[in-house]
mmCIF file of all heavy atoms, coordinates in Angstrom:
data_MODEL
# 
_entry.id   MODEL 
# 
loop_
_atom_site.group_PDB 
_atom_site.id 
_atom_site.type_symbol 
_atom_site.label_atom_id 
_atom_site.label_alt_id 
_atom_site.label_comp_id 
_atom_site.label_asym_id 
_atom_site.label_entity_id 
_atom_site.label_seq_id 
_atom_site.pdbx_PDB_ins_code 
_atom_site.Cartn_x 
_atom_site.Cartn_y 
_atom_site.Cartn_z 
_atom_site.occupancy 
_atom_site.B_iso_or_equiv 
_atom_site.pdbx_formal_charge 
_atom_site.auth_seq_id 
_atom_site.auth_comp_id 
_atom_site.auth_asym_id 
_atom_site.auth_atom_id 
_atom_site.pdbx_PDB_model_num 
ATOM 1   N N   . MET A 1 1  ? 1.337  -42.868 -17.244 1.00 0.00 ? 1  MET A N   1 
ATOM 2   C CA  . MET A 1 1  ? 2.348  -43.605 -17.979 1.00 0.00 ? 1  MET A CA  1 
ATOM 3   C C   . MET A 1 1  ? 2.119  -45.097 -17.707 1.00 0.00 ? 1  MET A C   1 
ATOM 4   O O   . MET A 1 1  ? 2.018  -45.503 -16.561 1.00 0.00 ? 1  MET A O   1 
ATOM 5   C CB  . MET A 1 1  ? 3.731  -43.155 -17.524 1.00 0.00 ? 1  MET A CB  1 
ATOM 6   C CG  . MET A 1 1  ? 4.835  -43.750 -18.323 1.00 0.00 ? 1  MET A CG  1 
ATOM 7   S SD  . MET A 1 1  ? 6.514  -43.248 -17.839 1.00 0.00 ? 1  MET A SD  1 
ATOM 8   C CE  . MET A 1 1  ? 6.403  -41.532 -17.533 1.00 0.00 ? 1  MET A CE  1 
ATOM 9   N N   . ASP A 1 2  ? 2.066  -45.865 -18.749 1.00 0.00 ? 2  ASP A N   1 
ATOM 10  C CA  . ASP A 1 2  ? 1.813  -47.286 -18.557 1.00 0.00 ? 2  ASP A CA  1 
ATOM 11  C C   . ASP A 1 2  ? 3.082  -48.015 -18.101 1.00 0.00 ? 2  ASP A C   1 
ATOM 12  O O   . ASP A 1 2  ? 4.187  -47.501 -18.184 1.00 0.00 ? 2  ASP A O   1 
ATOM 13  C CB  . ASP A 1 2  ? 1.221  -47.917 -19.806 1.00 0.00 ? 2  ASP A CB  1 
ATOM 14  C CG  . ASP A 1 2  ? 2.166  -47.877 -21.000 1.00 0.00 ? 2  ASP A CG  1 
ATOM 15  O OD1 . ASP A 1 2  ? 3.162  -47.137 -20.943 1.00 0.00 ? 2  ASP A OD1 1 
ATOM 16  O OD2 . ASP A 1 2  ? 1.910  -48.596 -21.978 1.00 0.00 ? 2  ASP A OD2 1 
ATOM 17  N N   . ALA A 1 3  ? 2.886  -49.230 -17.615 1.00 0.00 ? 3  ALA A N   1 
ATOM 18  C CA  . ALA A 1 3  ? 3.983  -50.006 -17.025 1.00 0.00 ? 3  ALA A CA  1 
ATOM 19  C C   . ALA A 1 3  ? 5.073  -50.327 -18.038 1.00 0.00 ? 3  ALA A C   1 
ATOM 20  O O   . ALA A 1 3  ? 6.264  -50.346 -17.702 1.00 0.00 ? 3  ALA A O   1 
ATOM 21  C CB  . ALA A 1 3  ? 3.430  -51.295 -16.421 1.00 0.00 ? 3  ALA A CB  1 
ATOM 22  N N   . GLU A 1 4  ? 4.686  -50.586 -19.284 1.00 0.00 ? 4  GLU A N   1 
ATOM 23  C CA  . GLU A 1 4  ? 5.673  -50.921 -20.311 1.00 0.00 ? 4  GLU A CA  1 
ATOM 24  C C   . GLU A 1 4  ? 6.613  -49.745 -20.580 1.00 0.00 ? 4  GLU A C   1 
ATOM 25  O O   . GLU A 1 4  ? 7.834  -49.908 -20.682 1.00 0.00 ? 4  GLU A O   1 
ATOM 26  C CB  . GLU A 1 4  ? 4.959  -51.326 -21.602 1.00 0.00 ? 4  GLU A CB  1 
ATOM 27  C CG  . GLU A 1 4  ? 5.901  -51.801 -22.684 1.00 0.00 ? 4  GLU A CG  1 
ATOM 28  C CD  . GLU A 1 4  ? 5.152  -52.244 -23.936 1.00 0.00 ? 4  GLU A CD  1 
ATOM 29  O OE1 . GLU A 1 4  ? 4.010  -52.726 -23.820 1.00 0.00 ? 4  GLU A OE1 1 
ATOM 30  O OE2 . GLU A 1 4  ? 5.746  -52.098 -25.023 1.00 0.00 ? 4  GLU A OE2 1 
ATOM 31  N N   . MET A 1 5  ? 6.050  -48.547 -20.676 1.00 0.00 ? 5  MET A N   1 
ATOM 32  C CA  . MET A 1 5  ? 6.854  -47.344 -20.908 1.00 0.00 ? 5  MET A CA  1 
ATOM 33  C C   . MET A 1 5  ? 7.774  -47.084 -19.716 1.00 0.00 ? 5  MET A C   1 
ATOM 34  O O   . MET A 1 5  ? 8.949  -46.745 -19.887 1.00 0.00 ? 5  MET A O   1 
ATOM 35  C CB  . MET A 1 5  ? 5.952  -46.139 -21.145 1.00 0.00 ? 5  MET A CB  1 
ATOM 36  C CG  . MET A 1 5  ? 6.722  -44.867 -21.386 1.00 0.00 ? 5  MET A CG  1 
ATOM 37  S SD  . MET A 1 5  ? 7.645  -44.892 -22.912 1.00 0.00 ? 5  MET A SD  1 
ATOM 38  C CE  . MET A 1 5  ? 6.450  -44.171 -23.979 1.00 0.00 ? 5  MET A CE  1 
ATOM 39  N N   . LYS A 1 6  ? 7.263  -47.261 -18.516 1.00 0.00 ? 6  LYS A N   1 
ATOM 40  C CA  . LYS A 1 6  ? 8.062  -47.050 -17.306 1.00 0.00 ? 6  LYS A CA  1 
ATOM 41  C C   . LYS A 1 6  ? 9.241  -48.022 -17.276 1.00 0.00 ? 6  LYS A C   1 
ATOM 42  O O   . LYS A 1 6  ? 10.365 -47.636 -16.957 1.00 0.00 ? 6  LYS A O   1 
ATOM 43  C CB  . LYS A 1 6  ? 7.176  -47.240 -16.077 1.00 0.00 ? 6  LYS A CB  1 
ATOM 44  C CG  . LYS A 1 6  ? 7.751  -46.638 -14.818 1.00 0.00 ? 6  LYS A CG  1 
ATOM 45  C CD  . LYS A 1 6  ? 6.790  -46.785 -13.661 1.00 0.00 ? 6  LYS A CD  1 
ATOM 46  C CE  . LYS A 1 6  ? 5.736  -45.711 -13.740 1.00 0.00 ? 6  LYS A CE  1 
ATOM 47  N NZ  . LYS A 1 6  ? 4.904  -45.633 -12.532 1.00 0.00 ? 6  LYS A NZ  1 
ATOM 48  N N   . GLN A 1 7  ? 8.986  -49.283 -17.646 1.00 0.00 ? 7  GLN A N   1 
ATOM 49  C CA  . GLN A 1 7  ? 10.043 -50.295 -17.672 1.00 0.00 ? 7  GLN A CA  1 
ATOM 50  C C   . GLN A 1 7  ? 11.109 -49.940 -18.709 1.00 0.00 ? 7  GLN A C   1 
ATOM 51  O O   . GLN A 1 7  ? 12.308 -50.096 -18.472 1.00 0.00 ? 7  GLN A O   1 
ATOM 52  C CB  . GLN A 1 7  ? 9.462  -51.684 -17.949 1.00 0.00 ? 7  GLN A CB  1 
ATOM 53  C CG  . GLN A 1 7  ? 10.489 -52.798 -17.902 1.00 0.00 ? 7  GLN A CG  1 
ATOM 54  C CD  . GLN A 1 7  ? 11.152 -52.929 -16.545 1.00 0.00 ? 7  GLN A CD  1 
ATOM 55  O OE1 . GLN A 1 7  ? 10.549 -52.672 -15.508 1.00 0.00 ? 7  GLN A OE1 1 
ATOM 56  N NE2 . GLN A 1 7  ? 12.418 -53.306 -16.549 1.00 0.00 ? 7  GLN A NE2 1 
ATOM 57  N N   . MET A 1 8  ? 10.683 -49.452 -19.868 1.00 0.00 ? 8  MET A N   1 
ATOM 58  C CA  . MET A 1 8  ? 11.635 -49.048 -20.906 1.00 0.00 ? 8  MET A CA  1 
ATOM 59  C C   . MET A 1 8  ? 12.512 -47.903 -20.433 1.00 0.00 ? 8  MET A C   1 
ATOM 60  O O   . MET A 1 8  ? 13.721 -47.886 -20.686 1.00 0.00 ? 8  MET A O   1 
ATOM 61  C CB  . MET A 1 8  ? 10.886 -48.642 -22.183 1.00 0.00 ? 8  MET A CB  1 
ATOM 62  C CG  . MET A 1 8  ? 10.330 -49.817 -22.952 1.00 0.00 ? 8  MET A CG  1 
ATOM 63  S SD  . MET A 1 8  ? 9.337  -49.327 -24.382 1.00 0.00 ? 8  MET A SD  1 
ATOM 64  C CE  . MET A 1 8  ? 10.462 -48.312 -25.305 1.00 0.00 ? 8  MET A CE  1 
ATOM 65  N N   . LEU A 1 9  ? 11.933 -46.943 -19.718 1.00 0.00 ? 9  LEU A N   1 
ATOM 66  C CA  . LEU A 1 9  ? 12.710 -45.815 -19.196 1.00 0.00 ? 9  LEU A CA  1 
ATOM 67  C C   . LEU A 1 9  ? 13.711 -46.271 -18.141 1.00 0.00 ? 9  LEU A C   1 
ATOM 68  O O   . LEU A 1 9  ? 14.844 -45.782 -18.096 1.00 0.00 ? 9  LEU A O   1 
ATOM 69  C CB  . LEU A 1 9  ? 11.777 -44.747 -18.640 1.00 0.00 ? 9  LEU A CB  1 
ATOM 70  C CG  . LEU A 1 9  ? 10.971 -43.969 -19.668 1.00 0.00 ? 9  LEU A CG  1 
ATOM 71  C CD1 . LEU A 1 9  ? 9.957  -43.069 -18.980 1.00 0.00 ? 9  LEU A CD1 1 
ATOM 72  C CD2 . LEU A 1 9  ? 11.880 -43.165 -20.577 1.00 0.00 ? 9  LEU A CD2 1 
ATOM 73  N N   . ILE A 1 10 ? 13.313 -47.211 -17.316 1.00 0.00 ? 10 ILE A N   1 
ATOM 74  C CA  . ILE A 1 10 ? 14.229 -47.749 -16.299 1.00 0.00 ? 10 ILE A CA  1 
ATOM 75  C C   . ILE A 1 10 ? 15.398 -48.459 -16.975 1.00 0.00 ? 10 ILE A C   1 
ATOM 76  O O   . ILE A 1 10 ? 16.558 -48.281 -16.587 1.00 0.00 ? 10 ILE A O   1 
ATOM 77  C CB  . ILE A 1 10 ? 13.477 -48.683 -15.335 1.00 0.00 ? 10 ILE A CB  1 
ATOM 78  C CG1 . ILE A 1 10 ? 12.539 -47.855 -14.450 1.00 0.00 ? 10 ILE A CG1 1 
ATOM 79  C CG2 . ILE A 1 10 ? 14.446 -49.492 -14.482 1.00 0.00 ? 10 ILE A CG2 1 
ATOM 80  C CD1 . ILE A 1 10 ? 11.576 -48.689 -13.623 1.00 0.00 ? 10 ILE A CD1 1 
ATOM 81  N N   . GLU A 1 11 ? 15.115 -49.251 -17.994 1.00 0.00 ? 11 GLU A N   1 
ATOM 82  C CA  . GLU A 1 11 ? 16.177 -49.949 -18.721 1.00 0.00 ? 11 GLU A CA  1 
ATOM 83  C C   . GLU A 1 11 ? 17.110 -48.967 -19.415 1.00 0.00 ? 11 GLU A C   1 
ATOM 84  O O   . GLU A 1 11 ? 18.333 -49.155 -19.431 1.00 0.00 ? 11 GLU A O   1 
ATOM 85  C CB  . GLU A 1 11 ? 15.568 -50.913 -19.737 1.00 0.00 ? 11 GLU A CB  1 
ATOM 86  C CG  . GLU A 1 11 ? 14.927 -52.123 -19.113 1.00 0.00 ? 11 GLU A CG  1 
ATOM 87  C CD  . GLU A 1 11 ? 14.229 -53.003 -20.133 1.00 0.00 ? 11 GLU A CD  1 
ATOM 88  O OE1 . GLU A 1 11 ? 14.478 -52.853 -21.345 1.00 0.00 ? 11 GLU A OE1 1 
ATOM 89  O OE2 . GLU A 1 11 ? 13.434 -53.865 -19.704 1.00 0.00 ? 11 GLU A OE2 1 
ATOM 90  N N   . LEU A 1 12 ? 16.550 -47.903 -19.977 1.00 0.00 ? 12 LEU A N   1 
ATOM 91  C CA  . LEU A 1 12 ? 17.361 -46.878 -20.625 1.00 0.00 ? 12 LEU A CA  1 
ATOM 92  C C   . LEU A 1 12 ? 18.277 -46.197 -19.616 1.00 0.00 ? 12 LEU A C   1 
ATOM 93  O O   . LEU A 1 12 ? 19.463 -46.003 -19.870 1.00 0.00 ? 12 LEU A O   1 
ATOM 94  C CB  . LEU A 1 12 ? 16.466 -45.849 -21.318 1.00 0.00 ? 12 LEU A CB  1 
ATOM 95  C CG  . LEU A 1 12 ? 17.167 -44.705 -22.023 1.00 0.00 ? 12 LEU A CG  1 
ATOM 96  C CD1 . LEU A 1 12 ? 18.052 -45.231 -23.147 1.00 0.00 ? 12 LEU A CD1 1 
ATOM 97  C CD2 . LEU A 1 12 ? 16.146 -43.730 -22.562 1.00 0.00 ? 12 LEU A CD2 1 
ATOM 98  N N   . ARG A 1 13 ? 17.732 -45.846 -18.456 1.00 0.00 ? 13 ARG A N   1 
ATOM 99  C CA  . ARG A 1 13 ? 18.538 -45.205 -17.412 1.00 0.00 ? 13 ARG A CA  1 
ATOM 100 C C   . ARG A 1 13 ? 19.664 -46.129 -16.970 1.00 0.00 ? 13 ARG A C   1 
ATOM 101 O O   . ARG A 1 13 ? 20.816 -45.700 -16.805 1.00 0.00 ? 13 ARG A O   1 
ATOM 102 C CB  . ARG A 1 13 ? 17.665 -44.828 -16.223 1.00 0.00 ? 13 ARG A CB  1 
ATOM 103 C CG  . ARG A 1 13 ? 18.473 -44.086 -15.140 1.00 0.00 ? 13 ARG A CG  1 
ATOM 104 C CD  . ARG A 1 13 ? 17.708 -43.891 -13.883 1.00 0.00 ? 13 ARG A CD  1 
ATOM 105 N NE  . ARG A 1 13 ? 17.453 -45.202 -13.300 1.00 0.00 ? 13 ARG A NE  1 
ATOM 106 C CZ  . ARG A 1 13 ? 16.472 -45.474 -12.461 1.00 0.00 ? 13 ARG A CZ  1 
ATOM 107 N NH1 . ARG A 1 13 ? 15.632 -44.530 -12.121 1.00 0.00 ? 13 ARG A NH1 1 
ATOM 108 N NH2 . ARG A 1 13 ? 16.324 -46.676 -11.975 1.00 0.00 ? 13 ARG A NH2 1 
ATOM 109 N N   . ASN A 1 14 ? 19.376 -47.413 -16.791 1.00 0.00 ? 14 ASN A N   1 
ATOM 110 C CA  . ASN A 1 14 ? 20.404 -48.371 -16.383 1.00 0.00 ? 14 ASN A CA  1 
ATOM 111 C C   . ASN A 1 14 ? 21.485 -48.514 -17.447 1.00 0.00 ? 14 ASN A C   1 
ATOM 112 O O   . ASN A 1 14 ? 22.676 -48.623 -17.127 1.00 0.00 ? 14 ASN A O   1 
ATOM 113 C CB  . ASN A 1 14 ? 19.778 -49.724 -16.066 1.00 0.00 ? 14 ASN A CB  1 
ATOM 114 C CG  . ASN A 1 14 ? 18.940 -49.686 -14.816 1.00 0.00 ? 14 ASN A CG  1 
ATOM 115 O OD1 . ASN A 1 14 ? 19.089 -48.801 -13.979 1.00 0.00 ? 14 ASN A OD1 1 
ATOM 116 N ND2 . ASN A 1 14 ? 18.038 -50.640 -14.688 1.00 0.00 ? 14 ASN A ND2 1 
ATOM 117 N N   . SER A 1 15 ? 21.094 -48.481 -18.710 1.00 0.00 ? 15 SER A N   1 
ATOM 118 C CA  . SER A 1 15 ? 22.068 -48.558 -19.807 1.00 0.00 ? 15 SER A CA  1 
ATOM 119 C C   . SER A 1 15 ? 22.968 -47.334 -19.818 1.00 0.00 ? 15 SER A C   1 
ATOM 120 O O   . SER A 1 15 ? 24.179 -47.440 -20.009 1.00 0.00 ? 15 SER A O   1 
ATOM 121 C CB  . SER A 1 15 ? 21.353 -48.683 -21.146 1.00 0.00 ? 15 SER A CB  1 
ATOM 122 O OG  . SER A 1 15 ? 20.631 -49.878 -21.212 1.00 0.00 ? 15 SER A OG  1 
ATOM 123 N N   . ILE A 1 16 ? 22.379 -46.177 -19.610 1.00 0.00 ? 16 ILE A N   1 
ATOM 124 C CA  . ILE A 1 16 ? 23.167 -44.935 -19.571 1.00 0.00 ? 16 ILE A CA  1 
ATOM 125 C C   . ILE A 1 16 ? 24.131 -44.964 -18.395 1.00 0.00 ? 16 ILE A C   1 
ATOM 126 O O   . ILE A 1 16 ? 25.294 -44.570 -18.526 1.00 0.00 ? 16 ILE A O   1 
ATOM 127 C CB  . ILE A 1 16 ? 22.238 -43.710 -19.521 1.00 0.00 ? 16 ILE A CB  1 
ATOM 128 C CG1 . ILE A 1 16 ? 21.522 -43.564 -20.864 1.00 0.00 ? 16 ILE A CG1 1 
ATOM 129 C CG2 . ILE A 1 16 ? 23.018 -42.450 -19.183 1.00 0.00 ? 16 ILE A CG2 1 
ATOM 130 C CD1 . ILE A 1 16 ? 20.430 -42.520 -20.883 1.00 0.00 ? 16 ILE A CD1 1 
ATOM 131 N N   . ASP A 1 17 ? 23.668 -45.427 -17.235 1.00 0.00 ? 17 ASP A N   1 
ATOM 132 C CA  . ASP A 1 17 ? 24.550 -45.522 -16.069 1.00 0.00 ? 17 ASP A CA  1 
ATOM 133 C C   . ASP A 1 17 ? 25.732 -46.444 -16.342 1.00 0.00 ? 17 ASP A C   1 
ATOM 134 O O   . ASP A 1 17 ? 26.865 -46.151 -15.960 1.00 0.00 ? 17 ASP A O   1 
ATOM 135 C CB  . ASP A 1 17 ? 23.774 -46.025 -14.848 1.00 0.00 ? 17 ASP A CB  1 
ATOM 136 C CG  . ASP A 1 17 ? 22.825 -44.980 -14.282 1.00 0.00 ? 17 ASP A CG  1 
ATOM 137 O OD1 . ASP A 1 17 ? 22.964 -43.793 -14.632 1.00 0.00 ? 17 ASP A OD1 1 
ATOM 138 O OD2 . ASP A 1 17 ? 21.938 -45.366 -13.502 1.00 0.00 ? 17 ASP A OD2 1 
ATOM 139 N N   . THR A 1 18 ? 25.472 -47.554 -17.019 1.00 0.00 ? 18 THR A N   1 
ATOM 140 C CA  . THR A 1 18 ? 26.542 -48.497 -17.363 1.00 0.00 ? 18 THR A CA  1 
ATOM 141 C C   . THR A 1 18 ? 27.537 -47.858 -18.315 1.00 0.00 ? 18 THR A C   1 
ATOM 142 O O   . THR A 1 18 ? 28.758 -47.982 -18.131 1.00 0.00 ? 18 THR A O   1 
ATOM 143 C CB  . THR A 1 18 ? 25.957 -49.770 -17.997 1.00 0.00 ? 18 THR A CB  1 
ATOM 144 O OG1 . THR A 1 18 ? 25.033 -50.349 -17.080 1.00 0.00 ? 18 THR A OG1 1 
ATOM 145 C CG2 . THR A 1 18 ? 27.047 -50.774 -18.321 1.00 0.00 ? 18 THR A CG2 1 
ATOM 146 N N   . LEU A 1 19 ? 27.040 -47.154 -19.327 1.00 0.00 ? 19 LEU A N   1 
ATOM 147 C CA  . LEU A 1 19 ? 27.930 -46.478 -20.271 1.00 0.00 ? 19 LEU A CA  1 
ATOM 148 C C   . LEU A 1 19 ? 28.757 -45.400 -19.587 1.00 0.00 ? 19 LEU A C   1 
ATOM 149 O O   . LEU A 1 19 ? 29.932 -45.208 -19.902 1.00 0.00 ? 19 LEU A O   1 
ATOM 150 C CB  . LEU A 1 19 ? 27.122 -45.869 -21.418 1.00 0.00 ? 19 LEU A CB  1 
ATOM 151 C CG  . LEU A 1 19 ? 26.549 -46.854 -22.427 1.00 0.00 ? 19 LEU A CG  1 
ATOM 152 C CD1 . LEU A 1 19 ? 25.621 -46.131 -23.388 1.00 0.00 ? 19 LEU A CD1 1 
ATOM 153 C CD2 . LEU A 1 19 ? 27.655 -47.558 -23.182 1.00 0.00 ? 19 LEU A CD2 1 
ATOM 154 N N   . MET A 1 20 ? 28.156 -44.668 -18.660 1.00 0.00 ? 20 MET A N   1 
ATOM 155 C CA  . MET A 1 20 ? 28.873 -43.607 -17.950 1.00 0.00 ? 20 MET A CA  1 
ATOM 156 C C   . MET A 1 20 ? 30.035 -44.176 -17.145 1.00 0.00 ? 20 MET A C   1 
ATOM 157 O O   . MET A 1 20 ? 31.048 -43.521 -16.973 1.00 0.00 ? 20 MET A O   1 
ATOM 158 C CB  . MET A 1 20 ? 27.922 -42.840 -17.025 1.00 0.00 ? 20 MET A CB  1 
ATOM 159 C CG  . MET A 1 20 ? 26.892 -42.012 -17.754 1.00 0.00 ? 20 MET A CG  1 
ATOM 160 S SD  . MET A 1 20 ? 27.616 -40.713 -18.746 1.00 0.00 ? 20 MET A SD  1 
ATOM 161 C CE  . MET A 1 20 ? 28.073 -39.562 -17.490 1.00 0.00 ? 20 MET A CE  1 
ATOM 162 N N   . THR A 1 21 ? 29.890 -45.390 -16.659 1.00 0.00 ? 21 THR A N   1 
ATOM 163 C CA  . THR A 1 21 ? 30.958 -46.017 -15.890 1.00 0.00 ? 21 THR A CA  1 
ATOM 164 C C   . THR A 1 21 ? 32.219 -46.154 -16.731 1.00 0.00 ? 21 THR A C   1 
ATOM 165 O O   . THR A 1 21 ? 33.323 -45.968 -16.241 1.00 0.00 ? 21 THR A O   1 
ATOM 166 C CB  . THR A 1 21 ? 30.517 -47.413 -15.410 1.00 0.00 ? 21 THR A CB  1 
ATOM 167 O OG1 . THR A 1 21 ? 29.266 -47.298 -14.761 1.00 0.00 ? 21 THR A OG1 1 
ATOM 168 C CG2 . THR A 1 21 ? 31.510 -48.006 -14.451 1.00 0.00 ? 21 THR A CG2 1 
ATOM 169 N N   . PHE A 1 22 ? 32.033 -46.456 -18.014 1.00 0.00 ? 22 PHE A N   1 
ATOM 170 C CA  . PHE A 1 22 ? 33.175 -46.653 -18.900 1.00 0.00 ? 22 PHE A CA  1 
ATOM 171 C C   . PHE A 1 22 ? 33.608 -45.378 -19.602 1.00 0.00 ? 22 PHE A C   1 
ATOM 172 O O   . PHE A 1 22 ? 34.776 -45.196 -19.907 1.00 0.00 ? 22 PHE A O   1 
ATOM 173 C CB  . PHE A 1 22 ? 32.843 -47.725 -19.948 1.00 0.00 ? 22 PHE A CB  1 
ATOM 174 C CG  . PHE A 1 22 ? 32.564 -49.061 -19.350 1.00 0.00 ? 22 PHE A CG  1 
ATOM 175 C CD1 . PHE A 1 22 ? 31.289 -49.584 -19.365 1.00 0.00 ? 22 PHE A CD1 1 
ATOM 176 C CD2 . PHE A 1 22 ? 33.573 -49.793 -18.757 1.00 0.00 ? 22 PHE A CD2 1 
ATOM 177 C CE1 . PHE A 1 22 ? 31.020 -50.819 -18.803 1.00 0.00 ? 22 PHE A CE1 1 
ATOM 178 C CE2 . PHE A 1 22 ? 33.316 -51.035 -18.187 1.00 0.00 ? 22 PHE A CE2 1 
ATOM 179 C CZ  . PHE A 1 22 ? 32.038 -51.547 -18.213 1.00 0.00 ? 22 PHE A CZ  1 
ATOM 180 N N   . ALA A 1 23 ? 32.689 -44.487 -19.913 1.00 0.00 ? 23 ALA A N   1 
ATOM 181 C CA  . ALA A 1 23 ? 32.978 -43.318 -20.737 1.00 0.00 ? 23 ALA A CA  1 
ATOM 182 C C   . ALA A 1 23 ? 33.542 -42.135 -19.960 1.00 0.00 ? 23 ALA A C   1 
ATOM 183 O O   . ALA A 1 23 ? 34.296 -41.343 -20.506 1.00 0.00 ? 23 ALA A O   1 
ATOM 184 C CB  . ALA A 1 23 ? 31.713 -42.877 -21.479 1.00 0.00 ? 23 ALA A CB  1 
ATOM 185 N N   . VAL A 1 24 ? 33.192 -42.013 -18.699 1.00 0.00 ? 24 VAL A N   1 
ATOM 186 C CA  . VAL A 1 24 ? 33.600 -40.851 -17.904 1.00 0.00 ? 24 VAL A CA  1 
ATOM 187 C C   . VAL A 1 24 ? 34.680 -41.281 -16.918 1.00 0.00 ? 24 VAL A C   1 
ATOM 188 O O   . VAL A 1 24 ? 34.504 -42.250 -16.179 1.00 0.00 ? 24 VAL A O   1 
ATOM 189 C CB  . VAL A 1 24 ? 32.387 -40.272 -17.139 1.00 0.00 ? 24 VAL A CB  1 
ATOM 190 C CG1 . VAL A 1 24 ? 32.798 -39.083 -16.299 1.00 0.00 ? 24 VAL A CG1 1 
ATOM 191 C CG2 . VAL A 1 24 ? 31.289 -39.877 -18.108 1.00 0.00 ? 24 VAL A CG2 1 
ATOM 192 N N   . PRO A 1 25 ? 35.804 -40.565 -16.899 1.00 0.00 ? 25 PRO A N   1 
ATOM 193 C CA  . PRO A 1 25 ? 36.870 -40.919 -15.947 1.00 0.00 ? 25 PRO A CA  1 
ATOM 194 C C   . PRO A 1 25 ? 36.417 -40.669 -14.503 1.00 0.00 ? 25 PRO A C   1 
ATOM 195 O O   . PRO A 1 25 ? 35.511 -39.875 -14.249 1.00 0.00 ? 25 PRO A O   1 
ATOM 196 C CB  . PRO A 1 25 ? 38.019 -39.980 -16.336 1.00 0.00 ? 25 PRO A CB  1 
ATOM 197 C CG  . PRO A 1 25 ? 37.384 -38.865 -17.066 1.00 0.00 ? 25 PRO A CG  1 
ATOM 198 C CD  . PRO A 1 25 ? 36.153 -39.411 -17.712 1.00 0.00 ? 25 PRO A CD  1 
ATOM 199 N N   . GLU A 1 26 ? 37.051 -41.341 -13.564 1.00 0.00 ? 26 GLU A N   1 
ATOM 200 C CA  . GLU A 1 26 ? 36.693 -41.199 -12.147 1.00 0.00 ? 26 GLU A CA  1 
ATOM 201 C C   . GLU A 1 26 ? 36.956 -39.775 -11.649 1.00 0.00 ? 26 GLU A C   1 
ATOM 202 O O   . GLU A 1 26 ? 36.203 -39.244 -10.846 1.00 0.00 ? 26 GLU A O   1 
ATOM 203 C CB  . GLU A 1 26 ? 37.470 -42.210 -11.310 1.00 0.00 ? 26 GLU A CB  1 
ATOM 204 C CG  . GLU A 1 26 ? 37.042 -42.274 -9.867  1.00 0.00 ? 26 GLU A CG  1 
ATOM 205 C CD  . GLU A 1 26 ? 35.601 -42.737 -9.674  1.00 0.00 ? 26 GLU A CD  1 
ATOM 206 O OE1 . GLU A 1 26 ? 35.100 -43.519 -10.487 1.00 0.00 ? 26 GLU A OE1 1 
ATOM 207 O OE2 . GLU A 1 26 ? 34.980 -42.310 -8.690  1.00 0.00 ? 26 GLU A OE2 1 
ATOM 208 N N   . TRP A 1 27 ? 38.032 -39.144 -12.111 1.00 0.00 ? 27 TRP A N   1 
ATOM 209 C CA  . TRP A 1 27 ? 38.381 -37.773 -11.729 1.00 0.00 ? 27 TRP A CA  1 
ATOM 210 C C   . TRP A 1 27 ? 38.551 -36.933 -12.990 1.00 0.00 ? 27 TRP A C   1 
ATOM 211 O O   . TRP A 1 27 ? 39.098 -37.404 -13.973 1.00 0.00 ? 27 TRP A O   1 
ATOM 212 C CB  . TRP A 1 27 ? 39.686 -37.745 -10.934 1.00 0.00 ? 27 TRP A CB  1 
ATOM 213 C CG  . TRP A 1 27 ? 39.594 -38.421 -9.609  1.00 0.00 ? 27 TRP A CG  1 
ATOM 214 C CD1 . TRP A 1 27 ? 39.885 -39.719 -9.336  1.00 0.00 ? 27 TRP A CD1 1 
ATOM 215 C CD2 . TRP A 1 27 ? 39.168 -37.842 -8.378  1.00 0.00 ? 27 TRP A CD2 1 
ATOM 216 N NE1 . TRP A 1 27 ? 39.676 -39.990 -8.012  1.00 0.00 ? 27 TRP A NE1 1 
ATOM 217 C CE2 . TRP A 1 27 ? 39.244 -38.855 -7.394  1.00 0.00 ? 27 TRP A CE2 1 
ATOM 218 C CE3 . TRP A 1 27 ? 38.740 -36.575 -8.008  1.00 0.00 ? 27 TRP A CE3 1 
ATOM 219 C CZ2 . TRP A 1 27 ? 38.895 -38.632 -6.068  1.00 0.00 ? 27 TRP A CZ2 1 
ATOM 220 C CZ3 . TRP A 1 27 ? 38.399 -36.356 -6.684  1.00 0.00 ? 27 TRP A CZ3 1 
ATOM 221 C CH2 . TRP A 1 27 ? 38.474 -37.363 -5.720  1.00 0.00 ? 27 TRP A CH2 1 
# 
């Protein structure tokens, strides 16, 4: 996997983590 693809996947994961913070309740 090239570096550009790896960077895109990392950014996607970070975006999903950010969305989960707002979309999913704490409990």
